[in-house]
Amino acid sequence: MERQKLHEQDKVLRRSNFDAVESNLTDEEVKLEASRCLHCKNARCVKGCPVNINIPEFVAKLKEGKVQEAGDIIRETSLLPSVCGRVCPQERQCEGNCILGIKGEALAIGALERYTGDNSDANKTEIVASGKKVAIVGSGCAGITAAADLRKAGHEVVVFEALHKLGGVLRYGIPPFRLPRKFLDREINALKEMGVEFHTNVVVGKSITLKQLQEDGFDAIFISSGAGLPKMLGIAGENLNGVYSANEFLTRVNLMGANDENKTTPLKIGEKVAVIGGGNVAMDAARTAVRVGAKEVYIVYRRTEKELPARLEEIRHAKEEGVIFKLLHSPYEIKGENGFVSSIDLEVMELGEPDESGRRRHVSTGKFVNMPINTVIVALGTGPNPIIQKSAISDGLEIETDKKGYIVVNSETNETSIPTVYAGGDVAPTGESNAINAMGAGKRAAKAINEMLAK
């Protein structure tokens, strides 16, 4: 039986709206897809999932039409099925380990998970108060996952979010055409119903410090503030008007409504846009630029399409929406007129020998091209914002960081060098930076905190 495919909005129509590109399988299609599962005794898909969802069991319930029971199984380990089913790189994790994929197409686990999340409810959990109090910094994947597990254990859980809306990078970094906000809000509301307390507009390290949280009686602290400091190019012309980090560009649109002319946060974007980078964030920025009115949008990447780190699905969607891929080119200098971007000089590259990661190195050919452009969006990744770390040090707390500024943690417990303070997600990465790995860090930290508080 062929793999069932998600339904997609028309590729021309979707260029002008932020509605979901993909919609769920039908009830019948879900049963058909679920029937493809081999229910392996030694399920490789479960091992490929950073939070070890019992995939064969929830799929078996879908085959029987028992959607709520399938949802209950997923939520034993993951509070965010609607989110993860949409944004996780299943092709490198659960689906990438599926036996069916060896000779054919892997089971559509992501599609089945999102369907289950959308069509089932989180069960009400009876909370037995422990008398303990835990602070969580950040409301992204790691933070809300830890919050759920800690609240189930009976602790009073308070989440502090720097921005004015909850969700972290899920809200400000991922466009609504990939993750509709109603599903994110629904899964956060389930936490509120459990009794988790949220405070927005609180910048830990500025509004309140780690030391103050300790003095306020919190028995443990989990830092999951993410990596919000953009990495820039370091080339001439980078300070011209019209150069954005992908963080700023996506935050303006996703969180602040800058694409809406009636909002007070306007976004100036020209007809021609160059997005520098080849990951999922670059694809999100390029596809967003299309939707806010750019006529020509380019992905500028220094290697070939084979080396693009973005998900294949995101690359395909970008191409369908008219994004042009300028491969084997690297930015050399941004040029401007009257303080605004007017063009970009690109260095033509070729591939050499593999580097330490196994990808072939990009090597300059010594040739350059100039491309007229109005806007440059830099999507080269992010690093940790040092606010919390600097604040902790100034308060006499010895928090250990690595040379890049990431918080150093125990890989098994996620505990930092400060007793009772833990960290996880992008601020203390222990693997690939994505939603499900951040959730895994949140679960590890919550487990360690529960064990510490039980002593």
Protein backbone atom coordinates (compact mmCIF):
# COMPACT_ATOMS: atom_id res chain seq x y z
CA MET A 1 0.00 0.00 0.00
CA GLU A 2 1.26 3.47 -0.87
CA ARG A 3 1.97 6.01 1.85
CA GLN A 4 -0.94 8.42 2.40
CA LYS A 5 -0.01 12.04 1.68
CA LEU A 6 -1.10 15.18 3.50
CA HIS A 7 -3.38 17.50 1.53
CA GLU A 8 -1.77 20.76 0.39
CA GLN A 9 -3.10 24.21 -0.38
CA ASP A 10 -2.66 25.31 -4.00
CA LYS A 11 0.91 26.49 -4.50
CA VAL A 12 -0.12 29.71 -6.26
CA LEU A 13 -2.88 30.60 -3.83
CA ARG A 14 -0.76 30.04 -0.73
CA ARG A 15 1.86 32.61 -1.83
CA SER A 16 -0.50 35.35 -0.67
CA ASN A 17 -1.74 33.96 2.66
CA PHE A 18 -0.47 32.60 5.97
CA ASP A 19 -2.98 29.75 6.17
CA ALA A 20 -1.70 26.23 6.79
CA VAL A 21 -0.02 24.80 3.70
CA GLU A 22 -0.85 21.22 4.71
CA SER A 23 -4.06 19.80 6.13
CA ASN A 24 -4.61 16.50 7.88
CA LEU A 25 -5.35 13.12 6.40
CA THR A 26 -9.00 12.12 6.44
CA ASP A 27 -10.29 9.60 8.99
CA GLU A 28 -10.22 6.85 6.38
CA GLU A 29 -6.74 7.79 5.18
CA VAL A 30 -5.50 7.65 8.77
CA LYS A 31 -6.78 4.10 9.15
CA LEU A 32 -5.21 3.11 5.83
CA GLU A 33 -1.85 4.61 6.80
CA ALA A 34 -1.99 3.08 10.28
CA SER A 35 -2.57 -0.33 8.69
CA ARG A 36 0.85 -0.07 6.99
CA CYS A 37 2.63 -0.27 10.35
CA LEU A 38 4.47 -3.58 10.90
CA HIS A 39 4.28 -3.24 14.71
CA CYS A 40 7.90 -4.30 15.05
CA LYS A 41 8.78 -6.06 18.29
CA ASN A 42 12.00 -4.07 18.52
CA ALA A 43 10.60 -0.78 17.27
CA ARG A 44 13.40 1.31 15.78
CA CYS A 45 11.04 4.27 15.38
CA VAL A 46 10.68 4.58 19.17
CA LYS A 47 14.46 4.60 19.60
CA GLY A 48 14.67 7.31 16.95
CA CYS A 49 12.30 9.56 18.91
CA PRO A 50 14.11 11.76 21.48
CA VAL A 51 11.17 11.43 23.90
CA ASN A 52 10.48 7.76 23.09
CA ILE A 53 6.81 8.00 22.15
CA ASN A 54 5.26 4.52 21.97
CA ILE A 55 4.64 4.81 18.25
CA PRO A 56 3.42 1.26 17.44
CA GLU A 57 0.87 1.43 20.26
CA PHE A 58 -0.65 4.77 19.31
CA VAL A 59 -0.72 3.76 15.64
CA ALA A 60 -2.51 0.53 16.56
CA LYS A 61 -5.23 2.55 18.31
CA LEU A 62 -5.65 4.72 15.20
CA LYS A 63 -6.10 1.60 13.09
CA GLU A 64 -9.00 0.69 15.38
CA GLY A 65 -10.42 4.21 15.16
CA LYS A 66 -9.68 4.92 18.85
CA VAL A 67 -8.24 8.41 18.44
CA GLN A 68 -8.58 9.55 22.06
CA GLU A 69 -6.77 6.44 23.28
CA ALA A 70 -4.04 7.10 20.73
CA GLY A 71 -3.74 10.63 22.08
CA ASP A 72 -3.52 9.36 25.65
CA ILE A 73 -0.59 7.12 24.66
CA ILE A 74 1.32 9.98 22.99
CA ARG A 75 0.71 12.36 25.90
CA GLU A 76 2.27 9.91 28.34
CA THR A 77 5.59 11.19 27.00
CA SER A 78 4.81 14.24 24.82
CA LEU A 79 2.49 17.11 25.60
CA LEU A 80 2.83 18.57 22.09
CA PRO A 81 1.59 16.08 19.47
CA SER A 82 -0.03 18.74 17.27
CA VAL A 83 3.19 20.76 17.31
CA CYS A 84 5.70 17.95 16.91
CA GLY A 85 3.69 16.28 14.19
CA ARG A 86 4.16 19.47 12.17
CA VAL A 87 7.67 20.73 12.91
CA CYS A 88 9.85 17.76 13.93
CA PRO A 89 12.34 16.34 11.40
CA GLN A 90 10.70 12.92 11.32
CA GLU A 91 12.73 11.91 8.27
CA ARG A 92 15.87 11.97 10.45
CA GLN A 93 14.28 10.54 13.58
CA CYS A 94 11.24 8.23 13.91
CA GLU A 95 10.47 7.87 10.19
CA GLY A 96 14.16 7.72 9.35
CA ASN A 97 14.37 4.56 11.46
CA CYS A 98 11.18 2.94 10.12
CA ILE A 99 11.75 -0.54 8.63
CA LEU A 100 9.27 0.25 5.84
CA GLY A 101 11.63 2.93 4.60
CA ILE A 102 14.36 0.44 3.72
CA LYS A 103 12.61 -0.79 0.58
CA GLY A 104 9.78 1.70 0.25
CA GLU A 105 8.26 4.70 1.99
CA ALA A 106 8.42 4.99 5.77
CA LEU A 107 5.23 5.11 7.79
CA ALA A 108 3.84 8.68 7.89
CA ILE A 109 4.35 8.99 11.65
CA GLY A 110 4.35 12.78 11.66
CA ALA A 111 1.03 12.93 9.80
CA LEU A 112 -0.50 10.40 12.18
CA GLU A 113 0.81 12.25 15.24
CA ARG A 114 -0.57 15.64 14.18
CA TYR A 115 -3.96 14.10 13.34
CA THR A 116 -4.05 12.47 16.77
CA GLY A 117 -3.07 15.67 18.56
CA ASP A 118 -5.66 17.73 16.69
CA ASN A 119 -8.48 15.26 17.34
CA SER A 120 -7.92 14.22 20.95
CA ASP A 121 -7.88 16.03 24.28
CA ALA A 122 -5.37 16.08 27.09
CA ASN A 123 -6.70 14.13 30.05
CA LYS A 124 -7.20 15.98 33.31
CA THR A 125 -4.42 14.93 35.69
CA GLU A 126 -4.99 14.64 39.43
CA ILE A 127 -2.28 16.69 41.14
CA VAL A 128 -1.07 15.79 44.62
CA ALA A 129 0.78 18.80 46.01
CA SER A 130 4.42 18.17 46.90
CA GLY A 131 5.03 21.43 48.68
CA LYS A 132 7.93 22.17 46.32
CA LYS A 133 8.26 25.12 43.97
CA VAL A 134 10.07 25.19 40.58
CA ALA A 135 10.82 28.18 38.32
CA ILE A 136 11.16 27.73 34.58
CA VAL A 137 12.80 30.35 32.39
CA GLY A 138 11.30 30.34 28.88
CA SER A 139 8.08 28.92 27.44
CA GLY A 140 9.48 27.14 24.40
CA CYS A 141 9.63 23.38 23.80
CA ALA A 142 12.02 22.54 26.63
CA GLY A 143 10.31 24.81 29.14
CA ILE A 144 6.73 23.69 28.64
CA THR A 145 7.75 20.02 28.50
CA ALA A 146 9.56 20.32 31.82
CA ALA A 147 6.62 22.29 33.22
CA ALA A 148 4.19 19.49 32.36
CA ASP A 149 6.29 16.73 33.94
CA LEU A 150 7.07 18.77 37.06
CA ARG A 151 3.45 19.78 37.55
CA LYS A 152 2.31 16.16 37.23
CA ALA A 153 4.74 15.38 40.06
CA GLY A 154 2.82 17.83 42.24
CA HIS A 155 5.20 20.78 42.30
CA GLU A 156 4.12 24.39 42.03
CA VAL A 157 5.47 25.44 38.62
CA VAL A 158 5.96 29.05 37.52
CA VAL A 159 7.08 29.85 33.96
CA PHE A 160 8.73 33.20 33.17
CA GLU A 161 8.59 34.31 29.50
CA ALA A 162 10.50 37.34 28.19
CA LEU A 163 8.08 38.10 25.35
CA HIS A 164 4.45 39.14 25.54
CA LYS A 165 3.10 35.84 24.22
CA LEU A 166 3.89 32.26 25.15
CA GLY A 167 5.51 29.58 23.02
CA GLY A 168 9.08 30.78 22.48
CA VAL A 169 10.52 29.94 19.08
CA LEU A 170 7.37 27.97 18.24
CA ARG A 171 5.53 31.28 18.11
CA TYR A 172 8.12 33.85 17.03
CA GLY A 173 10.28 31.66 14.79
CA ILE A 174 7.94 29.25 13.00
CA PRO A 175 5.43 30.82 10.58
CA PRO A 176 1.70 30.06 11.01
CA PHE A 177 1.56 28.44 7.56
CA ARG A 178 3.70 25.67 9.11
CA LEU A 179 2.30 25.79 12.65
CA PRO A 180 -1.20 27.31 12.98
CA ARG A 181 -1.40 29.20 16.26
CA LYS A 182 -4.65 27.59 17.40
CA PHE A 183 -2.83 24.28 17.91
CA LEU A 184 0.04 25.87 19.80
CA ASP A 185 -2.40 27.80 22.01
CA ARG A 186 -4.43 24.66 22.64
CA GLU A 187 -1.44 22.73 23.89
CA ILE A 188 -0.25 25.60 26.11
CA ASN A 189 -3.77 25.98 27.52
CA ALA A 190 -3.65 22.34 28.61
CA LEU A 191 -0.73 23.31 30.86
CA LYS A 192 -2.68 26.23 32.32
CA GLU A 193 -5.54 23.87 33.12
CA MET A 194 -3.06 21.67 35.00
CA GLY A 195 -2.25 24.65 37.19
CA VAL A 196 1.04 25.83 35.68
CA GLU A 197 1.44 29.57 36.29
CA PHE A 198 2.77 31.80 33.48
CA HIS A 199 4.25 35.31 33.64
CA THR A 200 5.03 37.14 30.38
CA ASN A 201 7.23 40.21 29.80
CA VAL A 202 9.72 38.99 32.41
CA VAL A 203 13.37 38.96 31.30
CA VAL A 204 15.23 36.78 33.76
CA GLY A 205 18.61 38.41 34.27
CA LYS A 206 17.04 41.89 33.99
CA SER A 207 13.51 41.95 35.46
CA ILE A 208 14.50 39.34 38.03
CA THR A 209 17.70 37.37 38.59
CA LEU A 210 18.46 33.72 39.32
CA LYS A 211 19.60 34.72 42.79
CA GLN A 212 16.31 36.51 43.44
CA LEU A 213 14.37 33.44 42.31
CA GLN A 214 16.34 31.37 44.79
CA GLU A 215 15.66 33.94 47.51
CA ASP A 216 11.94 33.87 46.60
CA GLY A 217 11.81 30.24 47.68
CA PHE A 218 12.10 28.30 44.45
CA ASP A 219 13.54 24.86 45.23
CA ALA A 220 14.81 24.39 41.67
CA ILE A 221 15.23 26.45 38.50
CA PHE A 222 15.22 25.23 34.90
CA ILE A 223 16.72 27.62 32.33
CA SER A 224 15.30 27.09 28.83
CA SER A 225 15.70 30.58 27.41
CA GLY A 226 16.77 29.38 23.96
CA ALA A 227 19.38 30.84 21.66
CA GLY A 228 18.11 34.23 20.62
CA LEU A 229 21.36 35.93 19.65
CA PRO A 230 21.65 35.93 15.83
CA LYS A 231 24.89 35.10 14.06
CA MET A 232 25.67 37.67 11.40
CA LEU A 233 27.91 37.65 8.33
CA GLY A 234 30.73 39.93 9.44
CA ILE A 235 31.07 41.51 5.99
CA ALA A 236 31.06 45.08 4.67
CA GLY A 237 27.62 46.65 4.32
CA GLU A 238 25.96 44.56 7.01
CA ASN A 239 24.81 47.69 8.87
CA LEU A 240 22.85 49.08 5.92
CA ASN A 241 19.11 49.57 6.20
CA GLY A 242 17.40 46.52 4.73
CA VAL A 243 19.63 43.92 6.40
CA TYR A 244 17.78 41.74 8.92
CA SER A 245 18.65 38.73 11.00
CA ALA A 246 16.15 35.96 10.37
CA ASN A 247 15.23 36.21 14.06
CA GLU A 248 14.21 39.85 13.75
CA PHE A 249 12.43 39.35 10.44
CA LEU A 250 10.40 36.33 11.57
CA THR A 251 9.64 37.83 14.99
CA ARG A 252 8.32 41.01 13.40
CA VAL A 253 5.97 39.02 11.19
CA ASN A 254 5.05 36.00 13.34
CA LEU A 255 4.71 37.68 16.72
CA MET A 256 4.20 41.39 16.04
CA GLY A 257 2.09 41.34 12.87
CA ALA A 258 4.47 43.55 10.89
CA ASN A 259 3.01 42.22 7.65
CA ASP A 260 -0.29 43.90 8.59
CA GLU A 261 -0.30 47.57 7.52
CA ASN A 262 -2.74 48.33 10.35
CA LYS A 263 -0.19 47.28 12.98
CA THR A 264 2.31 49.66 14.57
CA THR A 265 5.36 47.54 13.67
CA PRO A 266 5.77 48.07 9.91
CA LEU A 267 8.21 45.98 7.91
CA LYS A 268 10.05 47.55 4.99
CA ILE A 269 10.86 44.96 2.35
CA GLY A 270 11.80 45.53 -1.25
CA GLU A 271 10.92 43.62 -4.40
CA LYS A 272 14.12 41.53 -4.37
CA VAL A 273 15.18 39.61 -1.26
CA ALA A 274 18.25 37.47 -0.62
CA VAL A 275 18.11 34.99 2.28
CA ILE A 276 21.56 33.82 3.34
CA GLY A 277 21.59 30.22 4.60
CA GLY A 278 20.15 26.81 3.81
CA GLY A 279 18.43 25.54 6.96
CA ASN A 280 14.77 25.41 7.95
CA VAL A 281 14.92 28.98 9.29
CA ALA A 282 16.19 30.18 5.92
CA MET A 283 13.27 28.42 4.20
CA ASP A 284 10.82 29.95 6.69
CA ALA A 285 12.26 33.42 6.07
CA ALA A 286 12.19 33.03 2.29
CA ARG A 287 8.63 31.70 2.24
CA THR A 288 7.54 34.49 4.58
CA ALA A 289 9.19 37.09 2.34
CA VAL A 290 7.12 35.75 -0.56
CA ARG A 291 3.96 36.22 1.46
CA VAL A 292 4.72 39.79 2.55
CA GLY A 293 5.07 40.96 -1.02
CA ALA A 294 8.58 40.36 -2.37
CA LYS A 295 8.60 39.73 -6.13
CA GLU A 296 11.87 37.78 -6.25
CA VAL A 297 13.22 35.78 -3.31
CA TYR A 298 16.57 34.01 -3.42
CA ILE A 299 18.15 31.43 -1.15
CA VAL A 300 21.91 32.07 -1.28
CA TYR A 301 23.83 28.97 -0.18
CA ARG A 302 27.50 28.18 -0.50
CA ARG A 303 27.14 24.47 -1.25
CA THR A 304 24.86 22.46 -3.56
CA GLU A 305 21.29 21.36 -3.02
CA LYS A 306 22.51 17.97 -1.80
CA GLU A 307 24.14 19.64 1.21
CA LEU A 308 21.17 21.84 2.17
CA PRO A 309 20.42 21.13 5.86
CA ALA A 310 16.72 22.05 5.58
CA ARG A 311 14.03 19.40 5.50
CA LEU A 312 13.27 18.11 2.00
CA GLU A 313 9.63 19.06 2.50
CA GLU A 314 10.57 22.67 3.25
CA ILE A 315 12.84 22.88 0.22
CA ARG A 316 10.09 21.50 -2.00
CA HIS A 317 7.52 23.93 -0.64
CA ALA A 318 9.90 26.86 -1.12
CA LYS A 319 10.48 25.92 -4.77
CA GLU A 320 6.75 25.50 -5.37
CA GLU A 321 6.19 29.00 -3.98
CA GLY A 322 8.69 30.54 -6.38
CA VAL A 323 11.82 30.83 -4.23
CA ILE A 324 14.96 30.82 -6.43
CA PHE A 325 17.98 28.84 -5.20
CA LYS A 326 21.32 30.57 -5.81
CA LEU A 327 23.61 27.65 -4.96
CA LEU A 328 27.43 27.58 -4.78
CA HIS A 329 27.44 31.30 -3.94
CA SER A 330 28.59 32.99 -0.74
CA PRO A 331 28.00 36.63 0.34
CA TYR A 332 31.10 38.80 0.03
CA GLU A 333 29.89 42.40 0.38
CA ILE A 334 26.56 44.19 0.70
CA LYS A 335 26.37 47.46 -1.21
CA GLY A 336 24.01 50.36 -0.71
CA GLU A 337 22.71 53.70 -1.90
CA ASN A 338 21.60 56.47 0.49
CA GLY A 339 21.98 54.10 3.43
CA PHE A 340 19.80 51.31 1.99
CA VAL A 341 20.75 47.97 0.45
CA SER A 342 21.01 48.12 -3.35
CA SER A 343 22.94 44.96 -4.27
CA ILE A 344 25.09 42.15 -2.96
CA ASP A 345 28.41 40.84 -4.24
CA LEU A 346 28.54 37.04 -4.20
CA GLU A 347 31.64 34.87 -4.36
CA VAL A 348 31.26 31.88 -6.67
CA MET A 349 32.16 28.63 -4.90
CA GLU A 350 32.90 25.02 -5.80
CA LEU A 351 33.02 21.88 -3.67
CA GLY A 352 36.30 20.47 -2.42
CA GLU A 353 37.16 17.62 -0.07
CA PRO A 354 34.83 16.65 2.82
CA ASP A 355 35.23 18.52 6.12
CA GLU A 356 35.04 17.04 9.64
CA SER A 357 31.23 16.81 9.39
CA GLY A 358 31.46 14.72 6.21
CA ARG A 359 30.10 17.46 3.94
CA ARG A 360 32.29 18.63 1.06
CA ARG A 361 34.00 21.93 1.78
CA HIS A 362 33.05 25.09 -0.09
CA VAL A 363 36.07 26.47 -1.94
CA SER A 364 36.33 29.85 -3.65
CA THR A 365 36.76 29.92 -7.42
CA GLY A 366 38.03 33.51 -7.28
CA LYS A 367 35.02 34.68 -9.31
CA PHE A 368 32.41 37.21 -8.16
CA VAL A 369 28.95 38.25 -9.32
CA ASN A 370 26.80 41.23 -8.33
CA MET A 371 23.09 40.75 -7.72
CA PRO A 372 20.69 43.72 -7.41
CA ILE A 373 18.78 43.30 -4.15
CA ASN A 374 16.69 45.42 -1.75
CA THR A 375 16.65 43.25 1.37
CA VAL A 376 19.10 40.78 2.92
CA ILE A 377 17.96 38.29 5.57
CA VAL A 378 20.73 36.47 7.41
CA ALA A 379 19.75 32.95 8.52
CA LEU A 380 23.04 31.49 9.71
CA GLY A 381 21.92 30.25 13.10
CA THR A 382 21.86 31.74 16.59
CA GLY A 383 23.80 31.67 19.82
CA PRO A 384 22.76 32.02 23.47
CA ASN A 385 21.85 35.46 24.76
CA PRO A 386 24.30 36.09 27.64
CA ILE A 387 21.90 38.09 29.87
CA ILE A 388 21.21 35.30 32.37
CA GLN A 389 24.80 34.12 32.52
CA LYS A 390 26.22 37.62 33.09
CA SER A 391 23.59 38.39 35.70
CA ALA A 392 24.32 35.16 37.56
CA ILE A 393 28.06 35.84 37.60
CA SER A 394 27.56 39.41 38.86
CA ASP A 395 25.47 37.94 41.70
CA GLY A 396 28.30 35.62 42.67
CA LEU A 397 26.76 32.46 41.16
CA GLU A 398 29.42 30.40 39.41
CA ILE A 399 27.63 29.32 36.25
CA GLU A 400 29.91 27.50 33.82
CA THR A 401 29.69 28.29 30.10
CA ASP A 402 31.64 27.06 27.10
CA LYS A 403 33.69 29.23 24.73
CA LYS A 404 30.57 30.00 22.67
CA GLY A 405 28.56 31.12 25.70
CA TYR A 406 26.33 28.05 26.02
CA ILE A 407 25.57 26.88 29.55
CA VAL A 408 27.50 23.71 30.39
CA VAL A 409 25.28 20.93 31.78
CA ASN A 410 25.53 17.33 32.88
CA SER A 411 24.44 15.37 29.79
CA GLU A 412 22.35 12.94 31.86
CA THR A 413 20.65 15.30 34.31
CA ASN A 414 21.00 18.73 32.63
CA GLU A 415 22.21 20.18 35.94
CA THR A 416 24.45 23.25 35.69
CA SER A 417 27.45 24.12 37.84
CA ILE A 418 25.02 25.85 40.25
CA PRO A 419 23.31 23.35 42.58
CA THR A 420 19.52 23.06 42.00
CA VAL A 421 19.80 25.03 38.73
CA TYR A 422 19.29 23.11 35.49
CA ALA A 423 19.33 24.13 31.83
CA GLY A 424 18.29 22.65 28.50
CA GLY A 425 17.21 23.30 24.94
CA ASP A 426 19.12 25.73 22.73
CA VAL A 427 20.74 27.54 25.67
CA ALA A 428 22.58 24.32 26.59
CA PRO A 429 22.49 22.14 23.48
CA THR A 430 23.44 18.48 23.73
CA GLY A 431 22.50 17.55 20.16
CA GLU A 432 20.69 18.81 17.05
CA SER A 433 18.71 21.98 17.67
CA ASN A 434 15.04 21.21 17.06
CA ALA A 435 11.72 21.01 18.89
CA ILE A 436 11.75 17.34 19.84
CA ASN A 437 15.35 17.39 21.10
CA ALA A 438 14.54 20.41 23.24
CA MET A 439 11.58 18.46 24.61
CA GLY A 440 13.93 15.59 25.41
CA ALA A 441 16.13 18.00 27.38
CA GLY A 442 13.08 19.25 29.26
CA LYS A 443 12.10 15.70 30.20
CA ARG A 444 15.62 14.82 31.37
CA ALA A 445 15.80 17.94 33.50
CA ALA A 446 12.34 17.37 34.98
CA LYS A 447 13.24 13.79 35.90
CA ALA A 448 16.47 14.92 37.57
CA ILE A 449 14.68 17.74 39.42
CA ASN A 450 11.99 15.35 40.65
CA GLU A 451 14.66 12.97 41.94
CA MET A 452 16.53 15.83 43.62
CA LEU A 453 13.39 17.21 45.29
CA ALA A 454 12.37 13.75 46.54
CA LYS A 455 15.55 13.41 48.64
